Amino acid sequence: MEAGALVRSRKEIGAYYLAGYAVECALKACIAKATKRHEFPPKSDYVRKLYSHNLEELLRIAGLEKQLEADSRANPDLAINWGVVKSWNEESRYMNSGLKGRDLYPAINGPNGILLWIKQRW
C-alpha cells in the first residue's frame, strides 16, 4: 500500500490521509458486495450516507459493526486499532489531529490491522 511508502519517506500527513481512504474504500467494497444488481437505494438519506467519509457510519452500513464488536472483545489489539482508525476523516490532511501516518498505518495494515480484518469480509 502506498501509505507504507509514504510513512517510510516520512511523509506523515500524506500517509495518514491515504491510509484512511484505503479503509473507506474497503468498507465501501463490502457495501457494494452486499448490494444486489439493479437494486434501487431505499431512501435518499441512505445514498448520502454511502457517499460519507465517516468510517463508523460506513462500518454500520456494511453490516460489520456487531462483528467488529465481537472480534474486538476477543482481540483487544483489534479494538485498539479500530480506536485509532475510526477518528480518521477526509479533512485529516488539513488538521493537526496529533496522529500521523506512522500511527495510522500499523493500525490499518499491521498485525490485527483493520484493513486486514475488513478484507476477510469482502
Protein backbone atom coordinates (compact mmCIF):
# COMPACT_ATOMS: atom_id res chain seq x y z
CA MET A 1 0.00 0.00 0.00
CA GLU A 2 1.32 3.45 -0.93
CA ALA A 3 0.72 4.75 2.60
CA GLY A 4 3.55 2.50 3.80
CA ALA A 5 5.93 4.06 1.29
CA LEU A 6 4.88 7.50 2.49
CA VAL A 7 5.49 6.51 6.12
CA ARG A 8 8.95 5.24 5.25
CA SER A 9 9.63 8.51 3.40
CA ARG A 10 8.43 10.46 6.45
CA LYS A 11 5.53 11.98 4.52
CA GLU A 12 3.32 11.61 7.57
CA ILE A 13 0.36 13.74 6.52
CA GLY A 14 0.05 12.07 3.12
CA ALA A 15 0.37 8.62 4.69
CA TYR A 16 -2.35 9.39 7.22
CA TYR A 17 -4.67 10.73 4.56
CA LEU A 18 -4.14 7.89 2.11
CA ALA A 19 -4.32 5.11 4.70
CA GLY A 20 -7.71 6.35 5.87
CA TYR A 21 -9.02 6.34 2.32
CA ALA A 22 -7.92 2.72 1.98
CA VAL A 23 -10.19 1.79 4.90
CA GLU A 24 -13.03 3.87 3.47
CA CYS A 25 -12.74 2.12 0.10
CA ALA A 26 -12.58 -1.30 1.77
CA LEU A 27 -15.79 -0.61 3.69
CA LYS A 28 -17.48 0.63 0.52
CA ALA A 29 -16.37 -2.59 -1.23
CA CYS A 30 -18.19 -4.56 1.49
CA ILE A 31 -21.28 -2.42 0.96
CA ALA A 32 -21.09 -2.92 -2.80
CA LYS A 33 -20.76 -6.69 -2.37
CA ALA A 34 -23.97 -6.74 -0.33
CA THR A 35 -25.83 -4.66 -2.93
CA LYS A 36 -27.83 -6.61 -5.48
CA ARG A 37 -27.53 -5.79 -9.14
CA HIS A 38 -30.14 -3.26 -10.26
CA GLU A 39 -31.13 -2.68 -6.63
CA PHE A 40 -32.58 0.78 -6.15
CA PRO A 41 -31.48 2.52 -2.95
CA PRO A 42 -34.35 2.68 -0.47
CA LYS A 43 -34.09 6.37 0.50
CA SER A 44 -32.07 9.39 -0.47
CA ASP A 45 -30.57 9.74 3.02
CA TYR A 46 -29.14 6.21 2.65
CA VAL A 47 -27.41 7.25 -0.57
CA ARG A 48 -25.95 10.34 1.15
CA LYS A 49 -24.57 8.10 3.89
CA LEU A 50 -22.90 5.91 1.26
CA TYR A 51 -21.03 8.95 -0.02
CA SER A 52 -19.90 9.75 3.50
CA HIS A 53 -16.31 9.53 4.67
CA ASN A 54 -17.41 8.60 8.20
CA LEU A 55 -15.78 5.24 8.88
CA GLU A 56 -18.07 4.37 11.79
CA GLU A 57 -21.16 5.03 9.66
CA LEU A 58 -19.74 3.03 6.75
CA LEU A 59 -18.92 0.14 9.09
CA ARG A 60 -22.56 0.14 10.24
CA ILE A 61 -23.94 0.30 6.68
CA ALA A 62 -21.62 -2.56 5.67
CA GLY A 63 -23.22 -4.64 8.43
CA LEU A 64 -19.90 -5.18 10.18
CA GLU A 65 -20.42 -3.23 13.39
CA LYS A 66 -21.54 -6.16 15.56
CA GLN A 67 -18.86 -8.44 14.12
CA LEU A 68 -16.17 -5.88 14.92
CA GLU A 69 -17.53 -5.55 18.46
CA ALA A 70 -17.41 -9.32 18.95
CA ASP A 71 -13.97 -9.68 17.39
CA SER A 72 -12.67 -6.74 19.44
CA ARG A 73 -13.80 -8.39 22.67
CA ALA A 74 -11.81 -11.47 21.69
CA ASN A 75 -8.86 -9.45 20.37
CA PRO A 76 -8.05 -6.25 22.33
CA ASP A 77 -5.40 -5.26 19.76
CA LEU A 78 -8.10 -5.10 17.09
CA ALA A 79 -10.14 -2.84 19.37
CA ILE A 80 -7.13 -0.56 19.92
CA ASN A 81 -6.52 -0.37 16.17
CA TRP A 82 -10.17 0.50 15.47
CA GLY A 83 -9.90 3.22 18.13
CA VAL A 84 -7.06 4.77 16.13
CA VAL A 85 -8.66 4.28 12.71
CA LYS A 86 -12.24 5.41 13.40
CA SER A 87 -11.19 9.01 14.10
CA TRP A 88 -9.87 9.46 10.56
CA ASN A 89 -11.80 11.70 8.18
CA GLU A 90 -11.25 13.24 4.76
CA GLU A 91 -10.31 16.58 6.32
CA SER A 92 -7.41 14.96 8.17
CA ARG A 93 -4.78 16.38 5.89
CA TYR A 94 -5.88 19.91 6.82
CA MET A 95 -5.97 19.39 10.57
CA ASN A 96 -3.40 18.54 13.13
CA SER A 97 -5.07 15.65 14.94
CA GLY A 98 -1.87 14.66 16.68
CA LEU A 99 -1.91 11.35 14.83
CA LYS A 100 0.43 10.74 11.95
CA GLY A 101 0.80 8.18 9.21
CA ARG A 102 3.18 6.20 11.40
CA ASP A 103 0.29 5.84 13.90
CA LEU A 104 -2.47 5.05 11.44
CA TYR A 105 -0.62 2.77 9.03
CA PRO A 106 0.14 -0.04 11.53
CA ALA A 107 -3.40 0.20 12.92
CA ILE A 108 -4.63 -0.48 9.40
CA ASN A 109 -2.05 -2.81 7.94
CA GLY A 110 -0.14 -4.26 10.88
CA PRO A 111 -0.93 -7.36 12.93
CA ASN A 112 -4.63 -7.18 13.85
CA GLY A 113 -4.97 -4.31 11.38
CA ILE A 114 -8.40 -3.00 10.47
CA LEU A 115 -7.85 -3.20 6.71
CA LEU A 116 -6.79 -6.82 7.00
CA TRP A 117 -9.89 -7.51 9.12
CA ILE A 118 -12.17 -5.88 6.54
CA LYS A 119 -10.53 -7.74 3.64
CA GLN A 120 -11.59 -11.03 5.24
CA ARG A 121 -15.19 -9.88 4.87
CA TRP A 122 -15.38 -8.75 1.28
